[in-house]
Structures are given as structure tokens and as C-alpha cells.
Amino acid sequence: MVEVERGLPRVRGSVKWFDPGKGFGFIVADSGGPDILLHVNALRNFGQSSVCDRAGIEVTVQQTQRGLQAVEVFEITPPEDATPDAETEIPVDPDVPLEPARIKWFDKVKGFGFANVFGRNEDVFIHMEVLRKSGFAELQPGEAVGLRIVDGERGRMAVSIASWETALHKKG
């Protein structure tokens, strides 16, 4: 693996903040030390265009002239406070497969959006809470994702979202 050849250390931490508009943010390592720059390119290589604040993250890092920078993202987990609310939360059955989808549109202000599953005509509803609890800050039109979908009162709805890269690894 490339990261072993380079001898880059792996670091676990949490996202301090990430601004998709600016294209970067920072990670706080669990082991302490200076903040680690997280550039959108490292996220895109993982298959995501954003990550929510306080999400858990595992990366390799390298020292640059300006400080530590994340080189490769290996894992993103939802924030610890993203626990299900028994009254409003639909339980996520891990046996429900991730379905390949593309984001049709997502409006952060409205708090929802829609995706299209490959090979199916109907839209899949995505709520902002599902986005946050899956570790995302926002979704871009055309972004490829994996969705766990259930039939809701008004049609198909996502109950969890994974980056396309994660969805590919979980299939095999």
C-alpha cells in the first residue's frame, strides 16, 4: 500500500470544522497535537464532497511547511451525538443493502433533497438528519452515494448514506 511505503502515520480524530465552500477544514487528533488540515481533495478521493463537524475520521498525515495535512481518508463515522431518537428515528437494518444512487438535488436550507437509484425511476427522499447521522454536511447534485432505503408513508426514503467508495468496499 502507498501509505506504508511512504511511512505516513495513521491518525484517528474528529472533524473540528469543514467548510465545503472553502474546500477545507481541520481535524483534531484523538492523541492531541496541532490541528490537521483536511482538504476537499482528500475527501473526494474517499468518495465524499463534505463531512459534518464532530464526525470521527481516520487519515494518514504528512508534515508540510504549514503544518500537518491529511493525505488519505480511510474512515468517516457519524458524530457521537448522532444517536437515534426512538420517537422519530426509523431503525437502520444493517441487512438492508446499500443501493447505488446519484444525488438529484439537496437543499441544506430546506433540510431535504432527492436521489435517483440506478435502474429505477422513482425518487428517494433524503432528510437532513439522515445526512448528519451518516457523517455528511451536504450533498452535491450528481454525487454518487450508497443509500439504505425503506418504504415510508410517502414513498422510498433513505435511512442511511455512505460514500460511494465505502459502498463499493462493503459489497465485496
N, C-alpha and C. Protein backbone atom coordinates (compact mmCIF):
# COMPACT_ATOMS: atom_id res chain seq x y z
N MET A 1 0.84 -1.19 0.00
CA MET A 1 0.00 0.00 0.00
C MET A 1 0.87 1.25 0.00
N VAL A 2 0.41 2.29 -0.64
CA VAL A 2 1.18 3.51 -0.78
C VAL A 2 1.55 4.12 0.56
N GLU A 3 0.55 4.17 1.49
CA GLU A 3 0.82 4.84 2.76
C GLU A 3 1.87 4.11 3.59
N VAL A 4 1.98 2.78 3.43
CA VAL A 4 3.01 2.03 4.15
C VAL A 4 4.37 2.33 3.54
N GLU A 5 4.43 2.38 2.20
CA GLU A 5 5.68 2.67 1.52
C GLU A 5 6.22 4.04 1.91
N ARG A 6 5.34 5.01 2.03
CA ARG A 6 5.76 6.35 2.40
C ARG A 6 6.04 6.47 3.90
N GLY A 7 5.55 5.52 4.68
CA GLY A 7 5.72 5.57 6.11
C GLY A 7 4.88 6.64 6.78
N LEU A 8 3.76 7.00 6.17
CA LEU A 8 2.92 8.05 6.74
C LEU A 8 2.10 7.49 7.90
N PRO A 9 2.07 8.22 9.01
CA PRO A 9 1.31 7.73 10.16
C PRO A 9 -0.20 7.88 9.96
N ARG A 10 -0.93 6.90 10.51
CA ARG A 10 -2.40 6.98 10.53
C ARG A 10 -2.81 7.66 11.81
N VAL A 11 -3.81 8.52 11.70
CA VAL A 11 -4.29 9.28 12.85
C VAL A 11 -5.80 9.15 12.91
N ARG A 12 -6.33 8.92 14.12
CA ARG A 12 -7.77 8.95 14.36
C ARG A 12 -8.07 10.26 15.08
N GLY A 13 -9.22 10.84 14.75
CA GLY A 13 -9.61 12.07 15.40
C GLY A 13 -11.04 12.41 15.07
N SER A 14 -11.35 13.69 15.19
CA SER A 14 -12.69 14.17 14.84
C SER A 14 -12.56 15.47 14.05
N VAL A 15 -13.56 15.71 13.23
CA VAL A 15 -13.56 16.91 12.40
C VAL A 15 -13.91 18.10 13.29
N LYS A 16 -12.99 19.04 13.37
CA LYS A 16 -13.21 20.27 14.15
C LYS A 16 -14.24 21.12 13.41
N TRP A 17 -14.01 21.35 12.13
CA TRP A 17 -14.95 22.02 11.24
C TRP A 17 -14.52 21.75 9.81
N PHE A 18 -15.49 21.80 8.90
CA PHE A 18 -15.21 21.66 7.48
C PHE A 18 -16.18 22.56 6.73
N ASP A 19 -15.65 23.40 5.84
CA ASP A 19 -16.46 24.32 5.05
C ASP A 19 -16.39 23.90 3.58
N PRO A 20 -17.45 23.27 3.05
CA PRO A 20 -17.42 22.84 1.65
C PRO A 20 -17.21 23.99 0.67
N GLY A 21 -17.69 25.18 1.01
CA GLY A 21 -17.50 26.35 0.14
C GLY A 21 -16.04 26.75 0.02
N LYS A 22 -15.31 26.67 1.13
CA LYS A 22 -13.89 27.00 1.12
C LYS A 22 -13.04 25.82 0.64
N GLY A 23 -13.58 24.61 0.79
CA GLY A 23 -12.85 23.43 0.33
C GLY A 23 -11.85 22.87 1.32
N PHE A 24 -11.98 23.25 2.58
CA PHE A 24 -11.08 22.70 3.59
C PHE A 24 -11.67 22.83 4.98
N GLY A 25 -11.00 22.21 5.92
CA GLY A 25 -11.36 22.28 7.33
C GLY A 25 -10.22 21.69 8.14
N PHE A 26 -10.51 21.36 9.39
CA PHE A 26 -9.46 20.85 10.27
C PHE A 26 -9.93 19.67 11.10
N ILE A 27 -8.99 18.82 11.43
CA ILE A 27 -9.20 17.63 12.25
C ILE A 27 -8.44 17.82 13.55
N VAL A 28 -9.04 17.37 14.65
CA VAL A 28 -8.36 17.34 15.95
C VAL A 28 -8.05 15.86 16.22
N ALA A 29 -6.77 15.53 16.39
CA ALA A 29 -6.36 14.15 16.63
C ALA A 29 -6.76 13.71 18.03
N ASP A 30 -7.20 12.46 18.17
CA ASP A 30 -7.53 11.92 19.48
C ASP A 30 -6.32 11.95 20.41
N SER A 31 -5.13 11.81 19.83
CA SER A 31 -3.89 11.79 20.63
C SER A 31 -3.37 13.18 20.96
N GLY A 32 -4.08 14.23 20.51
CA GLY A 32 -3.65 15.60 20.78
C GLY A 32 -2.73 16.11 19.69
N GLY A 33 -2.13 17.25 19.93
CA GLY A 33 -1.23 17.86 18.96
C GLY A 33 -1.92 18.94 18.16
N PRO A 34 -1.22 19.45 17.15
CA PRO A 34 -1.77 20.55 16.35
C PRO A 34 -2.93 20.06 15.47
N ASP A 35 -3.77 21.00 15.06
CA ASP A 35 -4.85 20.67 14.12
C ASP A 35 -4.26 20.16 12.82
N ILE A 36 -5.03 19.32 12.13
CA ILE A 36 -4.61 18.72 10.86
C ILE A 36 -5.50 19.28 9.76
N LEU A 37 -4.89 19.85 8.73
CA LEU A 37 -5.64 20.38 7.59
C LEU A 37 -6.30 19.23 6.83
N LEU A 38 -7.59 19.38 6.55
CA LEU A 38 -8.33 18.43 5.74
C LEU A 38 -8.79 19.15 4.49
N HIS A 39 -8.18 18.83 3.35
CA HIS A 39 -8.54 19.46 2.08
C HIS A 39 -9.63 18.64 1.40
N VAL A 40 -10.50 19.30 0.64
CA VAL A 40 -11.60 18.62 -0.03
C VAL A 40 -11.11 17.53 -0.97
N ASN A 41 -9.91 17.66 -1.53
CA ASN A 41 -9.40 16.63 -2.44
C ASN A 41 -9.21 15.30 -1.73
N ALA A 42 -8.76 15.32 -0.48
CA ALA A 42 -8.63 14.07 0.29
C ALA A 42 -10.00 13.45 0.50
N LEU A 43 -11.01 14.28 0.77
CA LEU A 43 -12.39 13.77 0.92
C LEU A 43 -12.90 13.20 -0.40
N ARG A 44 -12.67 13.90 -1.49
CA ARG A 44 -13.16 13.44 -2.80
C ARG A 44 -12.53 12.11 -3.17
N ASN A 45 -11.25 11.92 -2.86
CA ASN A 45 -10.60 10.65 -3.13
C ASN A 45 -11.25 9.52 -2.33
N PHE A 46 -11.84 9.85 -1.20
CA PHE A 46 -12.57 8.88 -0.37
C PHE A 46 -13.99 8.67 -0.91
N GLY A 47 -14.48 9.62 -1.70
CA GLY A 47 -15.81 9.50 -2.30
C GLY A 47 -16.85 10.43 -1.71
N GLN A 48 -16.43 11.43 -0.93
CA GLN A 48 -17.35 12.40 -0.35
C GLN A 48 -16.89 13.80 -0.71
N SER A 49 -17.86 14.73 -0.75
CA SER A 49 -17.50 16.12 -1.02
C SER A 49 -17.60 16.97 0.24
N SER A 50 -18.09 16.37 1.33
CA SER A 50 -18.21 17.11 2.59
C SER A 50 -18.18 16.12 3.74
N VAL A 51 -18.03 16.68 4.93
CA VAL A 51 -18.09 15.89 6.16
C VAL A 51 -18.62 16.81 7.25
N CYS A 52 -19.44 16.27 8.15
CA CYS A 52 -20.03 17.13 9.17
C CYS A 52 -19.08 17.33 10.35
N ASP A 53 -19.27 18.43 11.05
CA ASP A 53 -18.47 18.73 12.24
C ASP A 53 -18.65 17.62 13.26
N ARG A 54 -17.59 17.31 13.96
CA ARG A 54 -17.53 16.30 15.03
C ARG A 54 -17.58 14.86 14.53
N ALA A 55 -17.61 14.64 13.21
CA ALA A 55 -17.57 13.27 12.69
C ALA A 55 -16.22 12.66 13.03
N GLY A 56 -16.22 11.37 13.32
CA GLY A 56 -14.97 10.66 13.53
C GLY A 56 -14.28 10.45 12.19
N ILE A 57 -12.94 10.44 12.19
CA ILE A 57 -12.22 10.31 10.93
C ILE A 57 -10.87 9.64 11.17
N GLU A 58 -10.47 8.81 10.22
CA GLU A 58 -9.14 8.20 10.26
C GLU A 58 -8.44 8.55 8.96
N VAL A 59 -7.23 9.11 9.08
CA VAL A 59 -6.48 9.59 7.92
C VAL A 59 -4.99 9.26 8.08
N THR A 60 -4.26 9.31 6.96
CA THR A 60 -2.81 9.38 7.05
C THR A 60 -2.45 10.84 6.95
N VAL A 61 -1.37 11.24 7.62
CA VAL A 61 -0.96 12.63 7.63
C VAL A 61 0.49 12.78 7.21
N GLN A 62 0.79 13.96 6.69
CA GLN A 62 2.18 14.30 6.40
C GLN A 62 2.46 15.71 6.88
N GLN A 63 3.71 15.95 7.21
CA GLN A 63 4.15 17.27 7.65
C GLN A 63 4.43 18.12 6.42
N THR A 64 3.87 19.32 6.37
CA THR A 64 4.15 20.26 5.29
C THR A 64 4.75 21.51 5.91
N GLN A 65 5.12 22.48 5.07
CA GLN A 65 5.68 23.72 5.59
C GLN A 65 4.70 24.47 6.47
N ARG A 66 3.40 24.26 6.24
CA ARG A 66 2.37 24.97 7.02
C ARG A 66 1.79 24.13 8.15
N GLY A 67 2.27 22.91 8.34
CA GLY A 67 1.76 22.06 9.41
C GLY A 67 1.31 20.71 8.89
N LEU A 68 0.58 19.97 9.72
CA LEU A 68 0.11 18.65 9.33
C LEU A 68 -1.06 18.74 8.36
N GLN A 69 -1.06 17.82 7.39
CA GLN A 69 -2.14 17.77 6.40
C GLN A 69 -2.56 16.33 6.19
N ALA A 70 -3.88 16.10 6.11
CA ALA A 70 -4.40 14.77 5.81
C ALA A 70 -4.09 14.45 4.35
N VAL A 71 -3.58 13.23 4.12
CA VAL A 71 -3.23 12.81 2.77
C VAL A 71 -4.30 11.88 2.21
N GLU A 72 -4.74 10.93 3.04
CA GLU A 72 -5.73 9.96 2.59
C GLU A 72 -6.73 9.69 3.71
N VAL A 73 -8.00 9.61 3.36
CA VAL A 73 -9.07 9.31 4.31
C VAL A 73 -9.39 7.83 4.22
N PHE A 74 -9.46 7.16 5.37
CA PHE A 74 -9.76 5.73 5.40
C PHE A 74 -11.14 5.42 5.96
N GLU A 75 -11.62 6.28 6.87
CA GLU A 75 -12.90 6.01 7.50
C GLU A 75 -13.50 7.31 8.02
N ILE A 76 -14.82 7.42 7.88
CA ILE A 76 -15.57 8.52 8.48
C ILE A 76 -16.74 7.91 9.21
N THR A 77 -16.93 8.30 10.47
CA THR A 77 -18.05 7.81 11.26
C THR A 77 -18.89 8.99 11.73
N PRO A 78 -20.18 8.77 11.91
CA PRO A 78 -21.05 9.87 12.36
C PRO A 78 -20.61 10.41 13.73
N PRO A 79 -20.96 11.66 14.04
CA PRO A 79 -20.64 12.21 15.36
C PRO A 79 -21.26 11.36 16.47
N GLU A 80 -20.60 11.32 17.61
CA GLU A 80 -21.10 10.52 18.73
C GLU A 80 -22.47 10.97 19.20
N ASP A 81 -22.80 12.25 19.01
CA ASP A 81 -24.11 12.74 19.44
C ASP A 81 -25.20 12.44 18.42
N ALA A 82 -24.87 11.75 17.35
CA ALA A 82 -25.85 11.40 16.31
C ALA A 82 -26.49 10.06 16.63
N THR A 83 -27.06 9.97 17.80
CA THR A 83 -27.71 8.73 18.21
C THR A 83 -29.18 8.76 17.82
N PRO A 84 -29.75 7.60 17.55
CA PRO A 84 -31.15 7.57 17.12
C PRO A 84 -32.10 8.11 18.18
N ASP A 85 -33.12 8.82 17.74
CA ASP A 85 -34.20 9.28 18.59
C ASP A 85 -35.33 8.29 18.42
N ALA A 86 -35.66 7.56 19.46
CA ALA A 86 -36.61 6.45 19.37
C ALA A 86 -37.97 6.89 18.83
N GLU A 87 -38.36 8.14 19.05
CA GLU A 87 -39.68 8.59 18.61
C GLU A 87 -39.74 8.94 17.13
N THR A 88 -38.64 9.45 16.58
CA THR A 88 -38.67 9.90 15.19
C THR A 88 -37.77 9.08 14.28
N GLU A 89 -36.91 8.30 14.81
CA GLU A 89 -35.92 7.58 14.02
C GLU A 89 -36.45 6.25 13.50
N ILE A 90 -36.23 5.99 12.23
CA ILE A 90 -36.52 4.68 11.67
C ILE A 90 -35.26 3.85 11.87
N PRO A 91 -35.37 2.67 12.51
CA PRO A 91 -34.17 1.87 12.74
C PRO A 91 -33.53 1.45 11.41
N VAL A 92 -32.20 1.45 11.41
CA VAL A 92 -31.46 1.04 10.21
C VAL A 92 -31.08 -0.42 10.34
N ASP A 93 -31.67 -1.24 9.49
CA ASP A 93 -31.36 -2.67 9.46
C ASP A 93 -30.08 -2.85 8.65
N PRO A 94 -28.99 -3.34 9.26
CA PRO A 94 -27.73 -3.49 8.52
C PRO A 94 -27.83 -4.50 7.38
N ASP A 95 -28.89 -5.33 7.39
CA ASP A 95 -29.07 -6.29 6.30
C ASP A 95 -29.67 -5.65 5.05
N VAL A 96 -30.21 -4.43 5.20
CA VAL A 96 -30.72 -3.72 4.03
C VAL A 96 -29.50 -3.30 3.21
N PRO A 97 -29.44 -3.73 1.95
CA PRO A 97 -28.24 -3.44 1.16
C PRO A 97 -28.11 -1.97 0.80
N LEU A 98 -26.89 -1.54 0.59
CA LEU A 98 -26.64 -0.20 0.06
C LEU A 98 -26.96 -0.22 -1.42
N GLU A 99 -27.80 0.71 -1.85
CA GLU A 99 -28.17 0.80 -3.26
C GLU A 99 -27.41 1.96 -3.90
N PRO A 100 -26.85 1.75 -5.09
CA PRO A 100 -26.11 2.82 -5.77
C PRO A 100 -27.07 3.91 -6.24
N ALA A 101 -26.72 5.16 -5.95
CA ALA A 101 -27.59 6.28 -6.31
C ALA A 101 -26.77 7.51 -6.64
N ARG A 102 -27.42 8.45 -7.32
CA ARG A 102 -26.85 9.77 -7.58
C ARG A 102 -27.78 10.81 -6.99
N ILE A 103 -27.18 11.83 -6.41
CA ILE A 103 -27.96 12.91 -5.82
C ILE A 103 -28.57 13.74 -6.95
N LYS A 104 -29.88 13.91 -6.88
CA LYS A 104 -30.62 14.73 -7.85
C LYS A 104 -30.47 16.19 -7.44
N TRP A 105 -30.83 16.48 -6.19
CA TRP A 105 -30.61 17.80 -5.59
C TRP A 105 -30.73 17.66 -4.08
N PHE A 106 -30.07 18.56 -3.37
CA PHE A 106 -30.18 18.62 -1.92
C PHE A 106 -30.08 20.07 -1.51
N ASP A 107 -31.07 20.55 -0.73
CA ASP A 107 -31.11 21.93 -0.27
C ASP A 107 -30.92 21.94 1.24
N LYS A 108 -29.76 22.38 1.66
CA LYS A 108 -29.42 22.40 3.09
C LYS A 108 -30.38 23.30 3.87
N VAL A 109 -30.82 24.40 3.28
CA VAL A 109 -31.73 25.33 3.95
C VAL A 109 -33.09 24.67 4.17
N LYS A 110 -33.61 24.01 3.15
CA LYS A 110 -34.90 23.31 3.27
C LYS A 110 -34.77 22.07 4.15
N GLY A 111 -33.57 21.49 4.20
CA GLY A 111 -33.33 20.32 5.04
C GLY A 111 -33.66 18.99 4.40
N PHE A 112 -33.74 18.96 3.09
CA PHE A 112 -34.01 17.69 2.42
C PHE A 112 -33.61 17.77 0.95
N GLY A 113 -33.67 16.61 0.30
CA GLY A 113 -33.38 16.53 -1.12
C GLY A 113 -33.79 15.17 -1.64
N PHE A 114 -33.37 14.87 -2.86
CA PHE A 114 -33.75 13.62 -3.50
C PHE A 114 -32.58 13.02 -4.26
N ALA A 115 -32.63 11.71 -4.40
CA ALA A 115 -31.64 10.97 -5.18
C ALA A 115 -32.37 10.03 -6.12
N ASN A 116 -31.66 9.56 -7.13
CA ASN A 116 -32.18 8.55 -8.04
C ASN A 116 -31.31 7.31 -7.91
N VAL A 117 -31.96 6.17 -7.68
CA VAL A 117 -31.25 4.89 -7.62
C VAL A 117 -31.04 4.42 -9.05
N PHE A 118 -29.84 3.91 -9.34
CA PHE A 118 -29.55 3.42 -10.67
C PHE A 118 -30.54 2.33 -11.07
N GLY A 119 -31.11 2.47 -12.26
CA GLY A 119 -32.03 1.47 -12.78
C GLY A 119 -33.47 1.58 -12.30
N ARG A 120 -33.78 2.61 -11.51
CA ARG A 120 -35.16 2.79 -11.02
C ARG A 120 -35.61 4.21 -11.34
N ASN A 121 -36.91 4.37 -11.55
CA ASN A 121 -37.44 5.68 -11.95
C ASN A 121 -37.79 6.61 -10.80
N GLU A 122 -38.24 6.06 -9.66
CA GLU A 122 -38.74 6.93 -8.60
C GLU A 122 -37.62 7.61 -7.82
N ASP A 123 -37.96 8.75 -7.24
CA ASP A 123 -37.02 9.49 -6.40
C ASP A 123 -36.97 8.87 -5.01
N VAL A 124 -35.82 9.06 -4.36
CA VAL A 124 -35.64 8.64 -2.97
C VAL A 124 -35.45 9.90 -2.14
N PHE A 125 -36.27 10.07 -1.12
CA PHE A 125 -36.23 11.23 -0.23
C PHE A 125 -35.04 11.10 0.73
N ILE A 126 -34.32 12.21 0.92
CA ILE A 126 -33.20 12.25 1.87
C ILE A 126 -33.42 13.43 2.81
N HIS A 127 -33.52 13.16 4.10
CA HIS A 127 -33.72 14.20 5.11
C HIS A 127 -32.36 14.63 5.67
N MET A 128 -32.27 15.88 6.09
CA MET A 128 -31.03 16.44 6.65
C MET A 128 -30.52 15.64 7.84
N GLU A 129 -31.41 15.14 8.69
CA GLU A 129 -30.98 14.36 9.86
C GLU A 129 -30.28 13.07 9.45
N VAL A 130 -30.77 12.43 8.39
CA VAL A 130 -30.13 11.22 7.88
C VAL A 130 -28.74 11.57 7.36
N LEU A 131 -28.64 12.70 6.70
CA LEU A 131 -27.36 13.18 6.20
C LEU A 131 -26.38 13.36 7.35
N ARG A 132 -26.79 14.09 8.37
CA ARG A 132 -25.92 14.38 9.52
C ARG A 132 -25.54 13.11 10.26
N LYS A 133 -26.52 12.23 10.47
CA LYS A 133 -26.25 11.00 11.22
C LYS A 133 -25.39 10.03 10.43
N SER A 134 -25.25 10.27 9.13
CA SER A 134 -24.38 9.45 8.30
C SER A 134 -23.00 10.08 8.14
N GLY A 135 -22.79 11.26 8.74
CA GLY A 135 -21.48 11.90 8.72
C GLY A 135 -21.24 12.89 7.60
N PHE A 136 -22.29 13.28 6.88
CA PHE A 136 -22.16 14.23 5.78
C PHE A 136 -22.64 15.62 6.24
N ALA A 137 -22.06 16.66 5.62
CA ALA A 137 -22.52 18.02 5.87
C ALA A 137 -23.48 18.48 4.77
N GLU A 138 -23.25 18.03 3.55
CA GLU A 138 -24.12 18.36 2.43
C GLU A 138 -23.87 17.38 1.31
N LEU A 139 -24.71 17.42 0.29
CA LEU A 139 -24.57 16.57 -0.88
C LEU A 139 -24.65 17.45 -2.12
N GLN A 140 -23.88 17.11 -3.13
CA GLN A 140 -23.86 17.87 -4.37
C GLN A 140 -24.64 17.14 -5.46
N PRO A 141 -25.33 17.86 -6.35
CA PRO A 141 -26.01 17.21 -7.46
C PRO A 141 -25.02 16.37 -8.28
N GLY A 142 -25.43 15.16 -8.60
CA GLY A 142 -24.57 14.26 -9.37
C GLY A 142 -23.63 13.41 -8.54
N GLU A 143 -23.54 13.70 -7.23
CA GLU A 143 -22.63 12.94 -6.37
C GLU A 143 -23.12 11.49 -6.24
N ALA A 144 -22.21 10.54 -6.41
CA ALA A 144 -22.53 9.12 -6.28
C ALA A 144 -22.45 8.71 -4.82
N VAL A 145 -23.47 8.02 -4.33
CA VAL A 145 -23.54 7.57 -2.94
C VAL A 145 -24.16 6.18 -2.89
N GLY A 146 -24.05 5.55 -1.74
CA GLY A 146 -24.78 4.33 -1.45
C GLY A 146 -25.87 4.67 -0.45
N LEU A 147 -27.09 4.22 -0.68
CA LEU A 147 -28.22 4.52 0.21
C LEU A 147 -28.84 3.24 0.73
N ARG A 148 -29.15 3.22 2.03
CA ARG A 148 -30.03 2.18 2.58
C ARG A 148 -31.42 2.81 2.55
N ILE A 149 -32.36 2.13 1.91
CA ILE A 149 -33.67 2.71 1.62
C ILE A 149 -34.78 1.84 2.19
N VAL A 150 -35.80 2.50 2.74
CA VAL A 150 -37.00 1.81 3.20
C VAL A 150 -38.21 2.46 2.54
N ASP A 151 -39.33 1.76 2.57
CA ASP A 151 -40.58 2.33 2.08
C ASP A 151 -41.23 3.11 3.22
N GLY A 152 -41.39 4.42 3.02
CA GLY A 152 -42.03 5.28 4.02
C GLY A 152 -43.47 5.54 3.65
N GLU A 153 -44.12 6.36 4.43
CA GLU A 153 -45.53 6.70 4.20
C GLU A 153 -45.74 7.39 2.85
N ARG A 154 -44.75 8.16 2.41
CA ARG A 154 -44.88 8.93 1.16
C ARG A 154 -44.00 8.40 0.04
N GLY A 155 -43.43 7.23 0.22
CA GLY A 155 -42.56 6.66 -0.81
C GLY A 155 -41.23 6.22 -0.23
N ARG A 156 -40.29 5.95 -1.14
CA ARG A 156 -38.98 5.46 -0.70
C ARG A 156 -38.17 6.58 -0.06
N MET A 157 -37.51 6.24 1.07
CA MET A 157 -36.70 7.23 1.77
C MET A 157 -35.41 6.61 2.28
N ALA A 158 -34.35 7.39 2.26
CA ALA A 158 -33.05 6.93 2.73
C ALA A 158 -33.03 6.93 4.26
N VAL A 159 -32.47 5.88 4.84
CA VAL A 159 -32.30 5.84 6.29
C VAL A 159 -30.81 5.91 6.67
N SER A 160 -29.94 5.71 5.68
CA SER A 160 -28.51 5.96 5.89
C SER A 160 -27.84 6.19 4.55
N ILE A 161 -26.72 6.90 4.59
CA ILE A 161 -25.97 7.27 3.40
C ILE A 161 -24.52 6.87 3.62
N ALA A 162 -23.89 6.35 2.58
CA ALA A 162 -22.46 6.04 2.63
C ALA A 162 -21.80 6.63 1.40
N SER A 163 -20.53 6.98 1.52
CA SER A 163 -19.80 7.43 0.33
C SER A 163 -19.77 6.28 -0.67
N TRP A 164 -19.65 6.60 -1.93
CA TRP A 164 -19.63 5.56 -2.95
C TRP A 164 -18.46 4.63 -2.72
N GLU A 165 -17.33 5.17 -2.31
CA GLU A 165 -16.14 4.35 -2.04
C GLU A 165 -16.44 3.34 -0.93
N THR A 166 -17.09 3.76 0.12
CA THR A 166 -17.46 2.87 1.22
C THR A 166 -18.45 1.82 0.74
N ALA A 167 -19.42 2.24 -0.06
CA ALA A 167 -20.43 1.30 -0.58
C ALA A 167 -19.77 0.22 -1.43
N LEU A 168 -18.80 0.58 -2.23
CA LEU A 168 -18.10 -0.40 -3.07
C LEU A 168 -17.38 -1.43 -2.22
N HIS A 169 -16.71 -0.98 -1.14
CA HIS A 169 -15.95 -1.89 -0.28
C HIS A 169 -16.87 -2.82 0.50
N LYS A 170 -18.07 -2.35 0.86
CA LYS A 170 -18.99 -3.18 1.63
C LYS A 170 -19.68 -4.24 0.77
N LYS A 171 -19.65 -4.06 -0.56
CA LYS A 171 -20.26 -5.05 -1.45
C LYS A 171 -19.38 -6.29 -1.55
N GLY A 172 -18.06 -6.09 -1.51
CA GLY A 172 -17.15 -7.21 -1.77
C GLY A 172 -16.64 -7.88 -0.56
